[in-house]
Each structure stands twice: as C-alpha cells, then as structure tokens.
C-alpha cells in the first residue's frame, strides 16, 4: 500500500491530530500530482470568512460568546 501510494502521510500536520496516514489516490496523473491534506475541522475557517465578509474581530468574538457561531479550538499540542 505504501509503495503504490494507497496510504500516504498528510502533507501538513492537522491542528487536531498532527501528522497521520490517510488514504492516497487511486489514480495518478504524471503532470498533476495528488495533494494529500487533512480535512478541515468544524468551523476552522469561520473567523477568516466572517472577517472577509466585513465583520470586525470584536463582532466575531461577540457572536461566538453568544453562541451564534462556533468553532473548535485546535489542539495546542499540534499547533505550531
């Protein structure tokens, strides 16, 4: 499985699990190599998206305190 890249290590460490093995691609293209990343955790991009949409950091923090929006905190062990 490893030699055929059916199981590969993620390219970047996940904020939740660190580095881990995941399934690889079953089709390989010579000019477009696969990219193997971890999936986003729930709410991972919420703050960035809200700021991009025009909300201030204070508004985002307020909405989070009031439980209007939510997201998981990354595991500090794997945050770099």
N, C-alpha and C. Protein backbone atom coordinates (compact mmCIF):
# COMPACT_ATOMS: atom_id res chain seq x y z
N UNK A 1 0.82 -1.18 0.00
CA UNK A 1 0.00 0.00 0.00
C UNK A 1 0.87 1.25 0.00
N UNK A 2 1.94 1.25 0.78
CA UNK A 2 2.79 2.42 0.82
C UNK A 2 3.53 2.64 -0.50
N UNK A 3 4.05 1.58 -1.09
CA UNK A 3 4.78 1.71 -2.34
C UNK A 3 3.89 2.20 -3.48
N UNK A 4 2.64 1.82 -3.47
CA UNK A 4 1.70 2.25 -4.51
C UNK A 4 0.95 3.53 -4.13
N UNK A 5 1.34 4.13 -3.03
CA UNK A 5 0.73 5.36 -2.53
C UNK A 5 -0.77 5.24 -2.29
N UNK A 6 -1.20 4.06 -1.88
CA UNK A 6 -2.60 3.88 -1.50
C UNK A 6 -2.81 4.34 -0.06
N UNK A 7 -1.72 4.46 0.69
CA UNK A 7 -1.73 5.04 2.03
C UNK A 7 -0.58 6.04 2.05
N UNK A 8 -0.88 7.29 2.41
CA UNK A 8 0.13 8.35 2.42
C UNK A 8 0.02 9.16 3.70
N UNK A 9 1.11 9.82 4.06
CA UNK A 9 1.09 10.71 5.21
C UNK A 9 0.61 12.08 4.73
N UNK A 10 -0.21 12.75 5.54
CA UNK A 10 -0.69 14.08 5.15
C UNK A 10 0.48 15.02 4.97
N UNK A 11 0.34 15.99 4.05
CA UNK A 11 1.42 16.92 3.73
C UNK A 11 1.70 17.89 4.88
N UNK A 12 0.67 18.36 5.54
CA UNK A 12 0.82 19.28 6.66
C UNK A 12 0.12 18.70 7.87
N UNK A 13 0.66 18.94 9.03
CA UNK A 13 0.07 18.41 10.25
C UNK A 13 -1.32 19.00 10.47
N UNK A 14 -2.25 18.18 10.90
CA UNK A 14 -3.60 18.61 11.23
C UNK A 14 -3.58 19.29 12.59
N UNK A 15 -4.35 20.39 12.78
CA UNK A 15 -4.40 21.01 14.10
C UNK A 15 -5.03 20.11 15.14
N UNK A 16 -5.75 19.09 14.72
CA UNK A 16 -6.41 18.19 15.65
C UNK A 16 -5.57 16.95 15.93
N UNK A 17 -4.97 16.36 14.90
CA UNK A 17 -4.30 15.07 15.06
C UNK A 17 -2.80 15.08 14.79
N UNK A 18 -2.26 16.17 14.32
CA UNK A 18 -0.86 16.18 13.93
C UNK A 18 -0.70 15.48 12.58
N UNK A 19 0.41 14.81 12.37
CA UNK A 19 0.64 14.07 11.12
C UNK A 19 0.05 12.67 11.27
N UNK A 20 -0.57 12.17 10.20
CA UNK A 20 -1.17 10.85 10.25
C UNK A 20 -1.25 10.28 8.84
N UNK A 21 -1.50 8.99 8.75
CA UNK A 21 -1.64 8.30 7.47
C UNK A 21 -3.10 8.41 7.02
N UNK A 22 -3.31 8.62 5.74
CA UNK A 22 -4.65 8.65 5.18
C UNK A 22 -4.63 7.91 3.85
N UNK A 23 -5.80 7.70 3.29
CA UNK A 23 -5.85 7.01 2.01
C UNK A 23 -5.27 7.91 0.92
N UNK A 24 -4.59 7.29 -0.01
CA UNK A 24 -4.00 8.02 -1.13
C UNK A 24 -4.92 7.98 -2.33
N UNK A 25 -4.43 8.46 -3.43
CA UNK A 25 -5.23 8.47 -4.65
C UNK A 25 -5.17 7.13 -5.36
N UNK A 26 -6.23 6.75 -6.01
CA UNK A 26 -6.22 5.50 -6.77
C UNK A 26 -5.88 5.74 -8.22
N UNK A 27 -5.88 7.02 -8.62
CA UNK A 27 -5.49 7.40 -9.97
C UNK A 27 -4.34 8.39 -9.84
N UNK A 28 -3.29 8.20 -10.63
CA UNK A 28 -2.13 9.09 -10.59
C UNK A 28 -1.92 9.70 -11.97
N UNK A 29 -1.78 11.02 -12.01
CA UNK A 29 -1.53 11.73 -13.25
C UNK A 29 -0.08 12.19 -13.27
N UNK A 30 0.60 12.00 -14.38
CA UNK A 30 2.03 12.30 -14.45
C UNK A 30 2.31 13.79 -14.29
N UNK A 31 1.43 14.66 -14.74
CA UNK A 31 1.71 16.09 -14.70
C UNK A 31 0.95 16.82 -13.58
N UNK A 32 0.09 16.11 -12.89
CA UNK A 32 -0.67 16.72 -11.80
C UNK A 32 -0.64 15.78 -10.60
N UNK A 33 0.39 15.90 -9.76
CA UNK A 33 0.47 15.00 -8.60
C UNK A 33 -0.64 15.28 -7.59
N UNK A 34 -1.03 14.26 -6.87
CA UNK A 34 -2.06 14.41 -5.84
C UNK A 34 -1.57 15.24 -4.68
N UNK A 35 -2.50 15.87 -4.00
CA UNK A 35 -2.19 16.64 -2.79
C UNK A 35 -2.98 16.01 -1.65
N UNK A 36 -2.29 15.60 -0.62
CA UNK A 36 -2.93 14.87 0.47
C UNK A 36 -2.88 15.72 1.74
N UNK A 37 -4.00 16.30 2.06
CA UNK A 37 -4.11 17.17 3.23
C UNK A 37 -5.12 16.59 4.20
N UNK A 38 -5.12 17.14 5.39
CA UNK A 38 -6.15 16.74 6.35
C UNK A 38 -7.42 17.54 6.05
N UNK A 39 -8.54 17.01 6.43
CA UNK A 39 -9.82 17.71 6.25
C UNK A 39 -9.92 18.82 7.28
N UNK A 40 -10.62 19.90 6.98
CA UNK A 40 -10.78 20.96 7.97
C UNK A 40 -11.66 20.49 9.13
N UNK A 41 -11.39 21.00 10.30
CA UNK A 41 -12.24 20.67 11.44
C UNK A 41 -13.41 21.65 11.46
N UNK A 42 -14.50 21.32 12.14
CA UNK A 42 -15.68 22.18 12.12
C UNK A 42 -15.38 23.62 12.55
N UNK A 43 -15.72 24.55 11.69
CA UNK A 43 -15.54 25.96 11.99
C UNK A 43 -14.12 26.48 11.81
N UNK A 44 -13.25 25.70 11.24
CA UNK A 44 -11.84 26.10 11.13
C UNK A 44 -11.67 27.44 10.41
N UNK A 45 -12.50 27.72 9.43
CA UNK A 45 -12.35 28.94 8.64
C UNK A 45 -13.40 30.01 8.96
N UNK A 46 -14.18 29.78 10.01
CA UNK A 46 -15.29 30.70 10.34
C UNK A 46 -14.81 32.12 10.55
N UNK A 47 -13.80 32.30 11.42
CA UNK A 47 -13.32 33.66 11.72
C UNK A 47 -12.82 34.35 10.45
N UNK A 48 -11.97 33.68 9.69
CA UNK A 48 -11.41 34.29 8.48
C UNK A 48 -12.51 34.66 7.48
N UNK A 49 -13.49 33.78 7.32
CA UNK A 49 -14.59 34.07 6.39
C UNK A 49 -15.43 35.25 6.86
N UNK A 50 -15.71 35.31 8.15
CA UNK A 50 -16.53 36.41 8.66
C UNK A 50 -15.80 37.74 8.53
N UNK A 51 -14.50 37.75 8.79
CA UNK A 51 -13.72 38.98 8.62
C UNK A 51 -13.71 39.38 7.15
N UNK A 52 -13.55 38.40 6.26
CA UNK A 52 -13.57 38.68 4.82
C UNK A 52 -14.92 39.26 4.39
N UNK A 53 -15.99 38.83 5.04
CA UNK A 53 -17.32 39.34 4.72
C UNK A 53 -17.60 40.70 5.34
N UNK A 54 -16.66 41.21 6.15
CA UNK A 54 -16.81 42.55 6.69
C UNK A 54 -17.08 42.65 8.18
N UNK A 55 -17.18 41.53 8.87
CA UNK A 55 -17.38 41.57 10.32
C UNK A 55 -16.06 41.92 11.00
N UNK A 56 -16.13 42.70 12.06
CA UNK A 56 -14.92 43.03 12.82
C UNK A 56 -14.58 41.86 13.75
N UNK A 57 -13.35 41.83 14.22
CA UNK A 57 -12.95 40.78 15.16
C UNK A 57 -13.80 40.84 16.42
N UNK A 58 -14.15 42.06 16.85
CA UNK A 58 -14.99 42.22 18.04
C UNK A 58 -16.38 41.62 17.82
N UNK A 59 -16.94 41.83 16.62
CA UNK A 59 -18.25 41.25 16.31
C UNK A 59 -18.17 39.72 16.30
N UNK A 60 -17.13 39.19 15.70
CA UNK A 60 -16.97 37.73 15.65
C UNK A 60 -16.86 37.17 17.06
N UNK A 61 -16.05 37.83 17.90
CA UNK A 61 -15.91 37.38 19.29
C UNK A 61 -17.24 37.44 20.03
N UNK A 62 -18.01 38.52 19.79
CA UNK A 62 -19.32 38.67 20.41
C UNK A 62 -20.26 37.56 19.97
N UNK A 63 -20.29 37.27 18.67
CA UNK A 63 -21.15 36.19 18.16
C UNK A 63 -20.75 34.84 18.74
N UNK A 64 -19.45 34.66 18.92
CA UNK A 64 -19.01 33.38 19.50
C UNK A 64 -19.43 33.28 20.96
N UNK A 65 -19.26 34.37 21.71
CA UNK A 65 -19.68 34.38 23.12
C UNK A 65 -21.18 34.10 23.25
N UNK A 66 -21.95 34.64 22.33
CA UNK A 66 -23.41 34.46 22.36
C UNK A 66 -23.84 33.16 21.69
N UNK A 67 -22.88 32.37 21.24
CA UNK A 67 -23.11 31.07 20.61
C UNK A 67 -23.91 31.16 19.32
N UNK A 68 -23.71 32.25 18.60
CA UNK A 68 -24.32 32.39 17.29
C UNK A 68 -23.47 31.65 16.26
N UNK A 69 -22.15 31.72 16.43
CA UNK A 69 -21.21 30.94 15.63
C UNK A 69 -20.33 30.15 16.59
N UNK A 70 -19.75 29.09 16.09
CA UNK A 70 -18.89 28.27 16.95
C UNK A 70 -17.80 27.62 16.11
N UNK A 71 -16.73 27.27 16.77
CA UNK A 71 -15.66 26.51 16.13
C UNK A 71 -14.86 25.83 17.21
N UNK A 72 -14.20 24.77 16.81
CA UNK A 72 -13.35 24.03 17.74
C UNK A 72 -12.02 24.75 17.88
N UNK A 73 -11.42 24.64 19.02
CA UNK A 73 -10.08 25.15 19.22
C UNK A 73 -9.09 24.07 18.78
N UNK A 74 -8.04 24.44 18.04
CA UNK A 74 -7.04 23.44 17.66
C UNK A 74 -6.36 22.88 18.90
N UNK A 75 -5.91 21.67 18.78
CA UNK A 75 -5.18 21.03 19.86
C UNK A 75 -3.83 21.74 19.99
N UNK A 76 -3.52 22.34 21.15
CA UNK A 76 -2.27 23.10 21.29
C UNK A 76 -1.02 22.23 21.12
N UNK A 77 -1.15 20.94 21.28
CA UNK A 77 0.00 20.05 21.09
C UNK A 77 0.48 20.09 19.65
N UNK A 78 -0.45 20.23 18.69
CA UNK A 78 -0.10 20.18 17.28
C UNK A 78 -0.02 21.55 16.64
N UNK A 79 -0.38 22.61 17.35
CA UNK A 79 -0.30 23.96 16.78
C UNK A 79 1.14 24.41 16.81
N UNK A 80 1.58 24.93 15.69
CA UNK A 80 2.97 25.38 15.64
C UNK A 80 3.04 26.87 15.44
